[in-house]
């Protein structure tokens, strides 16, 4: 297991297994984990004991910047970005990125509010989104509409 970025006082850890990927962040008794199974088409987020299915193709990552999970505060909520399956080489060839940066052409925003995880309905498609590069705040706000 690789321990990594902090989400304020949350610990964000990533573990890569043979057939699945898991990212866990812990706040007291609640655990947020991204579980990706190669046999599943869409990513799921698990918060506490509940599983929430996204509209994003696996494998997925939570966007981070400077070793911290990226978020934007909108209406007293922290909004995070789930970045999907890496884009094709043809798609990224128009940009100054490489395939090892795991940039995607689709993403979905989510928030944790009142002890409940919620996905925003809108999925951003055909826009380059790199999970380890800064994502413009306006793009994240667009995902919440």
C-alpha atoms as a PDB file:
ATOM      1  CA  UNK A   1       0.000   0.000   0.000  1.00  0.00           C
ATOM      2  CA  UNK A   2       1.258   3.457  -0.873  1.00  0.00           C
ATOM      3  CA  UNK A   3       0.320   6.230   1.549  1.00  0.00           C
ATOM      4  CA  UNK A   4      -0.146   9.584  -0.076  1.00  0.00           C
ATOM      5  CA  UNK A   5      -1.979  12.903  -0.303  1.00  0.00           C
ATOM      6  CA  UNK A   6      -3.800  14.563   2.571  1.00  0.00           C
ATOM      7  CA  UNK A   7      -7.358  15.860   2.307  1.00  0.00           C
ATOM      8  CA  UNK A   8      -6.951  18.352   5.119  1.00  0.00           C
ATOM      9  CA  UNK A   9      -6.955  16.028   8.146  1.00  0.00           C
ATOM     10  CA  UNK A  10      -8.088  13.066   6.055  1.00  0.00           C
ATOM     11  CA  UNK A  11      -5.534  10.473   5.131  1.00  0.00           C
ATOM     12  CA  UNK A  12      -5.695   9.519   1.478  1.00  0.00           C
ATOM     13  CA  UNK A  13      -4.069   6.229   0.608  1.00  0.00           C
ATOM     14  CA  UNK A  14      -3.790   4.341  -2.637  1.00  0.00           C
ATOM     15  CA  UNK A  15      -3.410   0.605  -3.023  1.00  0.00           C
ATOM     16  CA  UNK A  16      -2.965  -1.230  -6.291  1.00  0.00           C
ATOM     17  CA  UNK A  17      -3.860  -4.915  -6.400  1.00  0.00           C
ATOM     18  CA  UNK A  18      -3.713  -7.439  -9.222  1.00  0.00           C
ATOM     19  CA  UNK A  19      -7.300  -6.937 -10.375  1.00  0.00           C
ATOM     20  CA  UNK A  20      -8.526  -3.935  -8.421  1.00  0.00           C
ATOM     21  CA  UNK A  21      -7.551  -0.447  -7.361  1.00  0.00           C
ATOM     22  CA  UNK A  22      -8.585   1.172  -4.106  1.00  0.00           C
ATOM     23  CA  UNK A  23      -8.162   4.716  -2.825  1.00  0.00           C
ATOM     24  CA  UNK A  24      -9.134   5.253   0.784  1.00  0.00           C
ATOM     25  CA  UNK A  25      -9.577   8.397   2.768  1.00  0.00           C
ATOM     26  CA  UNK A  26     -10.593   8.248   6.383  1.00  0.00           C
ATOM     27  CA  UNK A  27     -12.466  10.715   8.594  1.00  0.00           C
ATOM     28  CA  UNK A  28     -13.096   9.197  11.978  1.00  0.00           C
ATOM     29  CA  UNK A  29     -15.511   6.306  11.529  1.00  0.00           C
ATOM     30  CA  UNK A  30     -16.288   7.057   7.875  1.00  0.00           C
ATOM     31  CA  UNK A  31     -14.193   5.683   5.056  1.00  0.00           C
ATOM     32  CA  UNK A  32     -14.318   6.906   1.485  1.00  0.00           C
ATOM     33  CA  UNK A  33     -12.816   4.438  -0.936  1.00  0.00           C
ATOM     34  CA  UNK A  34     -12.697   4.182  -4.665  1.00  0.00           C
ATOM     35  CA  UNK A  35     -12.988   0.587  -5.671  1.00  0.00           C
ATOM     36  CA  UNK A  36     -12.167  -0.334  -9.210  1.00  0.00           C
ATOM     37  CA  UNK A  37     -12.532  -3.862 -10.460  1.00  0.00           C
ATOM     38  CA  UNK A  38     -11.294  -4.743 -13.938  1.00  0.00           C
ATOM     39  CA  UNK A  39     -14.499  -6.747 -14.383  1.00  0.00           C
ATOM     40  CA  UNK A  40     -16.674  -3.693 -13.788  1.00  0.00           C
ATOM     41  CA  UNK A  41     -17.231  -1.006 -16.391  1.00  0.00           C
ATOM     42  CA  UNK A  42     -18.072   1.867 -14.010  1.00  0.00           C
ATOM     43  CA  UNK A  43     -16.319   3.113 -10.874  1.00  0.00           C
ATOM     44  CA  UNK A  44     -17.962   2.979  -7.489  1.00  0.00           C
ATOM     45  CA  UNK A  45     -17.268   5.074  -4.411  1.00  0.00           C
ATOM     46  CA  UNK A  46     -17.832   3.529  -1.016  1.00  0.00           C
ATOM     47  CA  UNK A  47     -18.569   5.823   1.930  1.00  0.00           C
ATOM     48  CA  UNK A  48     -19.124   4.167   5.274  1.00  0.00           C
ATOM     49  CA  UNK A  49     -20.993   1.015   4.342  1.00  0.00           C
ATOM     50  CA  UNK A  50     -22.803   2.344   1.260  1.00  0.00           C
ATOM     51  CA  UNK A  51     -21.623   1.991  -2.328  1.00  0.00           C
ATOM     52  CA  UNK A  52     -22.379   4.717  -4.889  1.00  0.00           C
ATOM     53  CA  UNK A  53     -22.047   3.969  -8.601  1.00  0.00           C
ATOM     54  CA  UNK A  54     -20.600   6.709 -10.784  1.00  0.00           C
ATOM     55  CA  UNK A  55     -21.121   7.312 -14.490  1.00  0.00           C
ATOM     56  CA  UNK A  56     -17.352   7.140 -15.055  1.00  0.00           C
ATOM     57  CA  UNK A  57     -15.554   4.284 -16.804  1.00  0.00           C
ATOM     58  CA  UNK A  58     -12.880   2.569 -14.739  1.00  0.00           C
ATOM     59  CA  UNK A  59     -10.107   2.811 -13.821  1.00  0.00           C
ATOM     60  CA  UNK A  60     -10.691   6.044 -11.890  1.00  0.00           C
ATOM     61  CA  UNK A  61      -8.704   8.408  -9.695  1.00  0.00           C
ATOM     62  CA  UNK A  62      -9.648  11.324  -7.476  1.00  0.00           C
ATOM     63  CA  UNK A  63      -8.002  14.450  -8.873  1.00  0.00           C
ATOM     64  CA  UNK A  64      -5.054  15.648  -6.796  1.00  0.00           C
ATOM     65  CA  UNK A  65      -2.793  18.671  -7.048  1.00  0.00           C
ATOM     66  CA  UNK A  66       0.440  19.113  -5.094  1.00  0.00           C
ATOM     67  CA  UNK A  67      -0.296  15.896  -3.154  1.00  0.00           C
ATOM     68  CA  UNK A  68      -3.706  17.077  -1.950  1.00  0.00           C
ATOM     69  CA  UNK A  69      -7.111  16.029  -3.238  1.00  0.00           C
ATOM     70  CA  UNK A  70      -8.465  18.911  -5.315  1.00  0.00           C
ATOM     71  CA  UNK A  71     -11.752  20.415  -4.279  1.00  0.00           C
ATOM     72  CA  UNK A  72     -13.749  23.560  -4.786  1.00  0.00           C
ATOM     73  CA  UNK A  73     -16.105  24.917  -2.143  1.00  0.00           C
ATOM     74  CA  UNK A  74     -19.545  25.530  -3.606  1.00  0.00           C
ATOM     75  CA  UNK A  75     -22.454  26.425  -1.324  1.00  0.00           C
ATOM     76  CA  UNK A  76     -20.615  25.207   1.800  1.00  0.00           C
ATOM     77  CA  UNK A  77     -19.760  21.877   0.149  1.00  0.00           C
ATOM     78  CA  UNK A  78     -16.382  20.544  -0.872  1.00  0.00           C
ATOM     79  CA  UNK A  79     -16.696  19.269  -4.422  1.00  0.00           C
ATOM     80  CA  UNK A  80     -14.156  16.670  -5.587  1.00  0.00           C
ATOM     81  CA  UNK A  81     -13.507  15.310  -9.084  1.00  0.00           C
ATOM     82  CA  UNK A  82     -13.494  11.667 -10.102  1.00  0.00           C
ATOM     83  CA  UNK A  83     -11.368  11.302 -13.249  1.00  0.00           C
ATOM     84  CA  UNK A  84     -12.117   8.336 -15.485  1.00  0.00           C
ATOM     85  CA  UNK A  85     -10.347   5.901 -17.755  1.00  0.00           C
ATOM     86  CA  UNK A  86      -7.281   7.360 -19.499  1.00  0.00           C
ATOM     87  CA  UNK A  87      -8.044   8.896 -22.882  1.00  0.00           C
ATOM     88  CA  UNK A  88      -6.863   7.313 -26.110  1.00  0.00           C
ATOM     89  CA  UNK A  89      -3.448   8.177 -27.516  1.00  0.00           C
ATOM     90  CA  UNK A  90      -5.235   9.814 -30.458  1.00  0.00           C
ATOM     91  CA  UNK A  91      -7.176  12.129 -28.113  1.00  0.00           C
ATOM     92  CA  UNK A  92      -4.154  13.191 -26.042  1.00  0.00           C
ATOM     93  CA  UNK A  93      -1.966  13.686 -29.124  1.00  0.00           C
ATOM     94  CA  UNK A  94      -3.521  17.153 -29.491  1.00  0.00           C
ATOM     95  CA  UNK A  95      -2.247  18.163 -26.050  1.00  0.00           C
ATOM     96  CA  UNK A  96       1.121  18.505 -24.368  1.00  0.00           C
ATOM     97  CA  UNK A  97       0.663  15.418 -22.164  1.00  0.00           C
ATOM     98  CA  UNK A  98       1.824  11.814 -22.202  1.00  0.00           C
ATOM     99  CA  UNK A  99      -0.140   8.625 -21.597  1.00  0.00           C
ATOM    100  CA  UNK A 100       1.665   8.009 -18.278  1.00  0.00           C
ATOM    101  CA  UNK A 101      -0.071  11.128 -16.866  1.00  0.00           C
ATOM    102  CA  UNK A 102      -3.371   9.158 -17.000  1.00  0.00           C
ATOM    103  CA  UNK A 103      -5.315  12.105 -18.450  1.00  0.00           C
ATOM    104  CA  UNK A 104      -8.922  11.327 -19.275  1.00  0.00           C
ATOM    105  CA  UNK A 105     -11.589  12.714 -21.544  1.00  0.00           C
ATOM    106  CA  UNK A 106     -14.356  12.332 -18.936  1.00  0.00           C
ATOM    107  CA  UNK A 107     -14.919  13.145 -15.255  1.00  0.00           C
ATOM    108  CA  UNK A 108     -17.699  13.510 -12.676  1.00  0.00           C
ATOM    109  CA  UNK A 109     -17.897  15.644  -9.546  1.00  0.00           C
ATOM    110  CA  UNK A 110     -18.975  14.397  -6.128  1.00  0.00           C
ATOM    111  CA  UNK A 111     -19.376  15.771  -2.630  1.00  0.00           C
ATOM    112  CA  UNK A 112     -19.841  14.518   0.906  1.00  0.00           C
ATOM    113  CA  UNK A 113     -22.523  16.471   2.712  1.00  0.00           C
ATOM    114  CA  UNK A 114     -24.489  15.650   5.880  1.00  0.00           C
ATOM    115  CA  UNK A 115     -22.642  12.333   6.144  1.00  0.00           C
ATOM    116  CA  UNK A 116     -23.806  11.306   2.655  1.00  0.00           C
ATOM    117  CA  UNK A 117     -21.864  10.967  -0.579  1.00  0.00           C
ATOM    118  CA  UNK A 118     -23.570  12.511  -3.598  1.00  0.00           C
ATOM    119  CA  UNK A 119     -22.606  12.487  -7.266  1.00  0.00           C
ATOM    120  CA  UNK A 120     -23.530  15.418  -9.454  1.00  0.00           C
ATOM    121  CA  UNK A 121     -25.435  14.199 -12.522  1.00  0.00           C
ATOM    122  CA  UNK A 122     -23.344  15.952 -15.144  1.00  0.00           C
ATOM    123  CA  UNK A 123     -20.395  14.085 -16.668  1.00  0.00           C
ATOM    124  CA  UNK A 124     -17.853  16.190 -18.526  1.00  0.00           C
ATOM    125  CA  UNK A 125     -16.847  14.516 -21.800  1.00  0.00           C
ATOM    126  CA  UNK A 126     -14.321  15.355 -24.526  1.00  0.00           C
ATOM    127  CA  UNK A 127     -12.357  17.677 -22.254  1.00  0.00           C
ATOM    128  CA  UNK A 128      -8.804  16.824 -21.212  1.00  0.00           C
ATOM    129  CA  UNK A 129      -8.702  16.271 -17.438  1.00  0.00           C
ATOM    130  CA  UNK A 130      -5.502  15.080 -15.808  1.00  0.00           C
ATOM    131  CA  UNK A 131      -5.832  13.621 -12.292  1.00  0.00           C
ATOM    132  CA  UNK A 132      -2.481  15.007 -11.093  1.00  0.00           C
ATOM    133  CA  UNK A 133      -2.638  18.473 -12.665  1.00  0.00           C
ATOM    134  CA  UNK A 134      -4.587  21.521 -11.542  1.00  0.00           C
ATOM    135  CA  UNK A 135      -8.208  21.475 -12.738  1.00  0.00           C
ATOM    136  CA  UNK A 136      -9.686  24.904 -13.326  1.00  0.00           C
ATOM    137  CA  UNK A 137     -12.282  25.879 -10.731  1.00  0.00           C
ATOM    138  CA  UNK A 138     -14.716  26.953 -13.459  1.00  0.00           C
ATOM    139  CA  UNK A 139     -14.622  23.461 -14.992  1.00  0.00           C
ATOM    140  CA  UNK A 140     -15.405  21.920 -11.603  1.00  0.00           C
ATOM    141  CA  UNK A 141     -18.280  24.394 -11.148  1.00  0.00           C
ATOM    142  CA  UNK A 142     -19.575  23.377 -14.597  1.00  0.00           C
ATOM    143  CA  UNK A 143     -19.723  19.762 -13.414  1.00  0.00           C
ATOM    144  CA  UNK A 144     -22.077  20.721 -10.574  1.00  0.00           C
ATOM    145  CA  UNK A 145     -24.769  22.247 -12.761  1.00  0.00           C
END
